[in-house]
Amino acid sequence: MSITYLEAGVDIQAGDALIERIKPLAQATRIPEVIGGLGGFAGLCRVPGDIDDPVLVSGTDGVGTKLKVVFAADMHDTVGFDLVGMCVNDVLTTGARPLFFLDYFATGRLNVDLAERVIRSIASACKEAGCALLGGETAEMPGMYPDGEYDLAGFAVGVVARSRLIDGTRVQAGDALIGLPSSGLHSNGFSLARKVLLEKARLPLKEPMASLGGLTLAEALLVPTRIYARHVQALLATVDVHAMSHITGGGIPGNLPRVLPEGLDAVIQCEWPRAPIFDLLAELGPVGSSEMHRTFNCGIGFIFVVAQSDCDRAIASLRALGDEPVLLGEVVDEGRDVAFEDRVIWRGARP
């Protein structure tokens, strides 16, 4: 008697059913540059015709061990937002406009309802970023993942005119550093967070905690990554932005220096509010300040570098979007102080 693919653990009909559910989600993210629809071998997107000497910009990422918290809490409705945010925010740092996103969803046994929840959140994030969900891949691989678990990865592609490319080369001493708040951990540092909160402190995931403002630990950990596309577009239209930094793994010390030319350092001169989850981590670890800042974003998710003369206009533009930007400090000539971490100098108490 012959054996079928289904008996081997792969349900082709379930995969087809998922594609049909995804089609309207992708359609809702469609932008004028998209050609064709979902279901072909490849997604098609033209380069916008109004961009002179266009440069394509790409970024790829996953969500790391944040997925372990997603599985433990059985909360799957925002993790796709994390996936898009981690990729798109990187692309934004070049001044590019995000064009499209593709995802990769891999699981041992395809649960169509669960997969749809994840991809629905991916589509929602694409709408927030202004890019199209152009396609993706769903891989059912029996034996590779425990039941109910999956892996996520994706990549974003954007476009910018070569003359408007932002790469940090115009950063100079005296430039202002303006930070935008993060929503929480975003998608970095979860191996340490899980070690401290779940393995060492053994905190429950689903009980409200006063120290977290009434949120459960799961809710605080799974707040989705912010997408800064609207903020970047607004600021690029208002002032001359010299550089942008997405604060991911490595925190400010590991990411801000990536856009600083040689011979320049960054001085952080202020404190800022941050989500209670950071204080809980620092206390229960305990996790020292240096380790906190080189592992987590610690409340700042994105940094703009602008001339001091443009600082007030930049902050006003960001506030007009309903945000609370923070004037973090300034760029200085190298050697004016002893760097705390990788060319980032902390002059006040570290928040």
Protein backbone atom coordinates (compact mmCIF):
# COMPACT_ATOMS: atom_id res chain seq x y z
CA MET A 1 0.00 0.00 0.00
CA SER A 2 1.39 3.43 -0.96
CA ILE A 3 2.08 6.10 1.65
CA THR A 4 1.04 9.75 1.40
CA TYR A 5 2.70 13.03 2.25
CA LEU A 6 -0.04 13.57 4.83
CA GLU A 7 0.91 10.34 6.59
CA ALA A 8 4.49 11.66 6.71
CA GLY A 9 3.21 14.72 8.55
CA VAL A 10 2.78 17.36 5.84
CA ASP A 11 -0.76 18.60 5.15
CA ILE A 12 -0.81 20.25 1.71
CA GLN A 13 -4.49 21.12 2.02
CA ALA A 14 -3.84 22.99 5.26
CA GLY A 15 -1.10 24.97 3.52
CA ASP A 16 -3.47 25.84 0.68
CA ALA A 17 -6.14 26.89 3.17
CA LEU A 18 -3.67 29.20 4.89
CA ILE A 19 -2.77 30.86 1.60
CA GLU A 20 -6.44 31.63 0.97
CA ARG A 21 -6.72 33.21 4.42
CA ILE A 22 -3.56 35.25 3.90
CA LYS A 23 -4.59 36.73 0.55
CA PRO A 24 -6.95 39.39 1.94
CA LEU A 25 -4.41 40.26 4.66
CA ALA A 26 -1.73 40.87 2.05
CA GLN A 27 -4.17 42.74 -0.20
CA ALA A 28 -4.86 45.19 2.63
CA THR A 29 -1.16 46.15 2.66
CA ARG A 30 -0.91 46.67 -1.09
CA ILE A 31 0.96 49.77 -2.30
CA PRO A 32 0.91 51.23 -5.85
CA GLU A 33 4.28 49.69 -6.72
CA VAL A 34 3.10 46.09 -6.23
CA ILE A 35 2.50 44.08 -9.39
CA GLY A 36 0.27 41.00 -9.36
CA GLY A 37 -1.04 39.19 -6.32
CA LEU A 38 -0.20 36.52 -3.78
CA GLY A 39 0.23 32.92 -4.89
CA GLY A 40 2.89 33.02 -7.58
CA PHE A 41 6.44 31.79 -7.32
CA ALA A 42 7.74 35.28 -6.54
CA GLY A 43 6.44 38.67 -5.44
CA LEU A 44 6.72 41.57 -7.84
CA CYS A 45 7.29 45.20 -6.93
CA ARG A 46 8.52 47.97 -9.19
CA VAL A 47 10.97 50.62 -8.06
CA PRO A 48 9.12 53.96 -7.69
CA GLY A 49 9.60 56.10 -10.78
CA ASP A 50 9.91 59.41 -8.93
CA ILE A 51 13.19 58.52 -7.19
CA ASP A 52 16.34 59.68 -8.91
CA ASP A 53 19.19 57.14 -8.90
CA PRO A 54 17.36 54.76 -6.55
CA VAL A 55 19.23 52.54 -4.09
CA LEU A 56 17.56 49.42 -2.69
CA VAL A 57 18.05 48.85 1.04
CA SER A 58 17.41 45.51 2.74
CA GLY A 59 17.28 44.20 6.29
CA THR A 60 16.57 40.77 7.76
CA ASP A 61 15.90 39.52 11.28
CA GLY A 62 13.85 37.24 13.50
CA VAL A 63 12.39 37.65 16.98
CA GLY A 64 14.81 35.41 18.89
CA THR A 65 13.86 33.71 22.13
CA LYS A 66 10.95 36.07 22.63
CA LEU A 67 9.14 33.21 20.90
CA LYS A 68 9.68 31.08 24.00
CA VAL A 69 7.57 33.54 26.01
CA VAL A 70 4.98 33.62 23.22
CA PHE A 71 4.65 29.82 23.40
CA ALA A 72 4.57 29.67 27.20
CA ALA A 73 1.91 32.39 27.41
CA ASP A 74 0.00 31.18 24.31
CA MET A 75 -0.12 34.79 23.06
CA HIS A 76 0.50 34.90 19.29
CA ASP A 77 -1.25 38.07 18.17
CA THR A 78 1.62 40.58 18.29
CA VAL A 79 4.79 38.62 17.52
CA GLY A 80 4.46 39.38 13.80
CA PHE A 81 4.62 43.07 14.68
CA ASP A 82 7.98 42.37 16.31
CA LEU A 83 9.24 40.60 13.21
CA VAL A 84 8.41 43.47 10.87
CA GLY A 85 9.60 46.11 13.31
CA MET A 86 13.03 44.58 13.75
CA CYS A 87 13.59 44.52 9.99
CA VAL A 88 11.91 47.77 8.96
CA ASN A 89 13.51 49.91 11.67
CA ASP A 90 16.95 48.87 10.43
CA VAL A 91 16.04 49.86 6.87
CA LEU A 92 14.70 53.22 8.07
CA THR A 93 18.11 54.25 9.45
CA THR A 94 19.36 54.82 5.89
CA GLY A 95 16.54 57.24 5.08
CA ALA A 96 14.85 54.62 2.92
CA ARG A 97 11.12 54.27 2.45
CA PRO A 98 10.06 50.65 3.18
CA LEU A 99 8.63 49.03 0.06
CA PHE A 100 7.85 45.42 0.90
CA PHE A 101 8.24 42.64 3.43
CA LEU A 102 8.45 38.85 3.12
CA ASP A 103 8.15 36.39 5.99
CA TYR A 104 9.22 32.81 6.69
CA PHE A 105 7.02 30.77 9.03
CA ALA A 106 8.29 27.27 9.87
CA THR A 107 6.55 24.72 12.06
CA GLY A 108 6.44 20.98 12.71
CA ARG A 109 2.69 20.66 12.18
CA LEU A 110 0.73 23.46 10.56
CA ASN A 111 -2.05 24.90 12.70
CA VAL A 112 -3.90 27.11 10.22
CA ASP A 113 -5.70 29.18 12.87
CA LEU A 114 -2.50 29.90 14.79
CA ALA A 115 -0.52 30.70 11.65
CA GLU A 116 -3.23 33.08 10.51
CA ARG A 117 -3.00 34.96 13.83
CA VAL A 118 0.73 35.40 13.41
CA ILE A 119 0.51 36.50 9.79
CA ARG A 120 -2.36 38.84 10.57
CA SER A 121 -0.03 40.65 12.99
CA ILE A 122 2.65 40.76 10.28
CA ALA A 123 0.16 42.38 7.91
CA SER A 124 -0.88 44.88 10.59
CA ALA A 125 2.75 45.87 11.10
CA CYS A 126 3.29 46.25 7.35
CA LYS A 127 0.39 48.71 7.24
CA GLU A 128 1.96 50.67 10.10
CA ALA A 129 5.29 50.73 8.24
CA GLY A 130 3.67 51.68 4.92
CA CYS A 131 5.05 48.66 3.09
CA ALA A 132 3.43 45.75 1.30
CA LEU A 133 3.33 42.18 2.57
CA LEU A 134 4.56 40.89 -0.77
CA GLY A 135 4.68 37.18 0.02
CA GLY A 136 6.40 34.63 2.17
CA GLU A 137 6.96 30.97 2.86
CA THR A 138 5.15 28.56 5.15
CA ALA A 139 7.21 25.45 5.82
CA GLU A 140 5.73 22.39 7.51
CA MET A 141 8.61 20.22 8.74
CA PRO A 142 7.58 17.24 10.89
CA GLY A 143 10.02 16.49 13.69
CA MET A 144 11.80 19.84 13.52
CA TYR A 145 9.69 21.69 16.11
CA PRO A 146 7.58 20.63 19.12
CA ASP A 147 3.81 20.77 18.67
CA GLY A 148 2.49 24.33 18.94
CA GLU A 149 5.88 25.92 18.28
CA TYR A 150 7.28 27.63 15.20
CA ASP A 151 10.08 29.87 14.03
CA LEU A 152 9.79 33.25 12.38
CA ALA A 153 12.13 35.20 10.15
CA GLY A 154 11.68 37.85 7.50
CA PHE A 155 13.22 40.64 5.51
CA ALA A 156 12.28 44.11 4.38
CA VAL A 157 13.32 46.03 1.29
CA GLY A 158 13.21 49.81 0.99
CA VAL A 159 14.34 52.43 -1.49
CA VAL A 160 16.09 55.79 -1.24
CA ALA A 161 17.65 58.19 -3.73
CA ARG A 162 21.43 57.86 -3.62
CA SER A 163 21.75 61.61 -3.00
CA ARG A 164 19.51 61.29 0.08
CA LEU A 165 21.16 58.22 1.55
CA ILE A 166 21.91 58.66 5.27
CA ASP A 167 25.03 56.84 6.44
CA GLY A 168 26.45 58.91 9.31
CA THR A 169 29.31 60.43 7.33
CA ARG A 170 27.98 63.96 7.93
CA VAL A 171 27.82 63.60 11.71
CA GLN A 172 30.02 66.18 13.45
CA ALA A 173 30.93 67.32 16.93
CA GLY A 174 28.14 69.38 18.47
CA ASP A 175 25.30 67.43 16.82
CA ALA A 176 22.33 66.69 19.08
CA LEU A 177 21.16 63.18 19.99
CA ILE A 178 17.36 62.82 20.12
CA GLY A 179 15.87 59.55 21.37
CA LEU A 180 12.42 58.08 20.86
CA PRO A 181 10.98 55.85 23.58
CA SER A 182 10.78 52.10 23.17
CA SER A 183 7.63 50.25 24.17
CA GLY A 184 9.56 47.76 26.29
CA LEU A 185 12.17 45.12 25.55
CA HIS A 186 11.18 45.03 21.86
CA SER A 187 12.81 41.77 20.66
CA ASN A 188 16.23 41.79 22.30
CA GLY A 189 17.72 40.39 25.48
CA PHE A 190 15.07 37.74 26.03
CA SER A 191 17.56 35.01 26.90
CA LEU A 192 18.68 37.11 29.87
CA ALA A 193 15.13 38.21 30.67
CA ARG A 194 13.90 34.61 30.73
CA LYS A 195 16.87 33.57 32.87
CA VAL A 196 16.16 36.27 35.46
CA LEU A 197 12.37 36.37 35.54
CA LEU A 198 11.26 32.85 34.69
CA GLU A 199 14.13 30.57 35.71
CA LYS A 200 15.64 32.40 38.70
CA ALA A 201 12.72 34.40 40.14
CA ARG A 202 10.11 31.89 38.87
CA LEU A 203 7.53 34.61 38.35
CA PRO A 204 4.13 33.56 37.00
CA LEU A 205 3.35 34.73 33.49
CA LYS A 206 -0.38 35.27 33.80
CA GLU A 207 -0.86 37.05 37.16
CA PRO A 208 -1.16 40.87 37.27
CA MET A 209 1.78 42.53 39.02
CA ALA A 210 1.65 45.88 40.82
CA SER A 211 5.31 46.50 39.93
CA LEU A 212 4.33 46.30 36.26
CA GLY A 213 1.42 48.72 36.55
CA GLY A 214 -1.13 45.92 36.77
CA LEU A 215 0.09 44.09 33.67
CA THR A 216 0.88 40.43 33.79
CA LEU A 217 4.51 39.48 33.18
CA ALA A 218 3.51 38.01 29.82
CA GLU A 219 1.82 41.25 28.78
CA ALA A 220 4.84 43.32 29.82
CA LEU A 221 7.30 41.06 28.01
CA LEU A 222 5.24 40.75 24.85
CA VAL A 223 4.50 44.43 24.23
CA PRO A 224 5.29 44.63 20.49
CA THR A 225 8.29 46.38 19.00
CA ARG A 226 7.57 49.96 17.95
CA ILE A 227 7.82 50.81 14.27
CA TYR A 228 9.32 54.27 13.70
CA ALA A 229 8.44 54.77 10.02
CA ARG A 230 6.10 57.74 10.56
CA HIS A 231 8.63 59.45 12.82
CA VAL A 232 11.44 59.04 10.32
CA GLN A 233 9.33 60.34 7.44
CA ALA A 234 8.21 63.34 9.47
CA LEU A 235 11.72 64.27 10.53
CA LEU A 236 13.23 63.82 7.08
CA ALA A 237 10.63 66.28 5.80
CA THR A 238 11.44 68.79 8.54
CA VAL A 239 15.20 68.91 9.17
CA ASP A 240 18.49 67.67 7.77
CA VAL A 241 19.01 64.35 9.57
CA HIS A 242 22.69 63.42 9.85
CA ALA A 243 22.25 59.86 11.13
CA MET A 244 19.80 57.43 12.70
CA SER A 245 20.37 54.45 14.97
CA HIS A 246 17.97 51.59 15.74
CA ILE A 247 18.63 50.51 19.33
CA THR A 248 18.50 46.72 19.31
CA GLY A 249 20.73 44.04 20.85
CA GLY A 250 23.77 45.76 22.33
CA GLY A 251 21.70 48.72 23.49
CA ILE A 252 22.87 52.28 22.99
CA PRO A 253 26.58 51.42 23.50
CA GLY A 254 26.46 48.75 20.81
CA ASN A 255 24.38 50.59 18.22
CA LEU A 256 24.87 54.36 18.38
CA PRO A 257 28.64 54.14 17.60
CA ARG A 258 27.78 52.36 14.33
CA VAL A 259 26.75 55.73 12.86
CA LEU A 260 29.55 57.82 14.40
CA PRO A 261 32.57 58.61 12.20
CA GLU A 262 36.01 57.83 13.60
CA GLY A 263 37.23 60.49 16.01
CA LEU A 264 33.79 61.19 17.48
CA ASP A 265 32.08 59.96 20.63
CA ALA A 266 28.55 60.30 21.98
CA VAL A 267 27.85 61.86 25.37
CA ILE A 268 24.63 60.88 27.15
CA GLN A 269 23.72 63.63 29.59
CA CYS A 270 20.25 62.82 30.88
CA GLU A 271 17.93 60.26 32.33
CA TRP A 272 14.61 59.25 30.80
CA PRO A 273 11.47 57.30 31.72
CA ARG A 274 11.40 53.61 30.91
CA ALA A 275 8.93 50.75 31.19
CA PRO A 276 8.80 49.07 34.62
CA ILE A 277 9.98 45.76 33.14
CA PHE A 278 13.53 47.15 32.97
CA ASP A 279 13.59 47.99 36.68
CA LEU A 280 12.20 44.56 37.52
CA LEU A 281 14.99 42.91 35.56
CA ALA A 282 17.69 45.05 37.16
CA GLU A 283 16.37 44.34 40.66
CA LEU A 284 15.68 40.62 40.42
CA GLY A 285 18.83 39.67 38.52
CA PRO A 286 20.40 41.59 39.90
CA VAL A 287 21.64 42.93 36.57
CA GLY A 288 24.21 45.72 36.77
CA SER A 289 23.80 49.00 34.92
CA SER A 290 26.53 48.25 32.40
CA GLU A 291 25.04 44.85 31.59
CA MET A 292 21.54 46.33 31.32
CA HIS A 293 22.69 48.94 28.84
CA ARG A 294 24.66 46.59 26.62
CA THR A 295 21.86 43.99 26.55
CA PHE A 296 18.59 45.96 26.43
CA ASN A 297 17.39 49.20 24.84
CA CYS A 298 16.56 50.45 28.37
CA GLY A 299 13.72 52.65 27.17
CA ILE A 300 15.15 54.23 24.00
CA GLY A 301 14.30 52.48 20.74
CA PHE A 302 15.58 54.87 18.08
CA ILE A 303 18.02 57.80 17.99
CA PHE A 304 18.26 60.72 15.56
CA VAL A 305 21.44 62.75 15.12
CA VAL A 306 20.78 66.32 13.93
CA ALA A 307 22.57 69.68 14.01
CA GLN A 308 22.07 71.63 17.25
CA SER A 309 20.44 74.39 15.21
CA ASP A 310 17.75 71.90 14.09
CA CYS A 311 17.18 70.32 17.49
CA ASP A 312 14.13 72.32 18.60
CA ARG A 313 12.36 71.89 15.25
CA ALA A 314 13.11 68.16 15.27
CA ILE A 315 11.70 67.69 18.76
CA ALA A 316 8.58 69.73 17.88
CA SER A 317 8.03 67.59 14.77
CA LEU A 318 8.21 64.38 16.78
CA ARG A 319 5.94 65.75 19.49
CA ALA A 320 3.38 66.62 16.82
CA LEU A 321 3.06 62.86 16.24
CA GLY A 322 2.09 62.40 19.87
CA ASP A 323 5.47 61.14 21.00
CA GLU A 324 7.78 62.25 23.81
CA PRO A 325 11.28 62.58 22.32
CA VAL A 326 14.22 62.86 24.70
CA LEU A 327 17.23 65.13 24.19
CA LEU A 328 19.84 62.57 25.20
CA GLY A 329 23.06 64.52 24.72
CA GLU A 330 25.48 65.40 21.95
CA VAL A 331 28.30 64.24 19.73
CA VAL A 332 31.78 65.26 20.90
CA ASP A 333 35.36 64.97 19.74
CA GLU A 334 37.01 61.74 20.81
CA GLY A 335 38.98 61.77 24.05
CA ARG A 336 37.10 64.42 26.03
CA ASP A 337 36.16 61.84 28.64
CA VAL A 338 36.55 58.15 29.45
CA ALA A 339 34.03 56.08 27.51
CA PHE A 340 31.75 53.84 29.53
CA GLU A 341 31.11 51.51 26.61
CA ASP A 342 32.32 51.58 23.02
CA ARG A 343 32.54 55.34 22.46
CA VAL A 344 29.43 56.20 24.50
CA ILE A 345 30.09 58.42 27.52
CA TRP A 346 27.60 58.61 30.37
CA ARG A 347 27.90 61.88 32.30
CA GLY A 348 24.98 61.52 34.68
CA ALA A 349 23.35 58.72 36.57
CA ARG A 350 22.51 55.92 34.19
CA PRO A 351 18.72 55.40 34.12
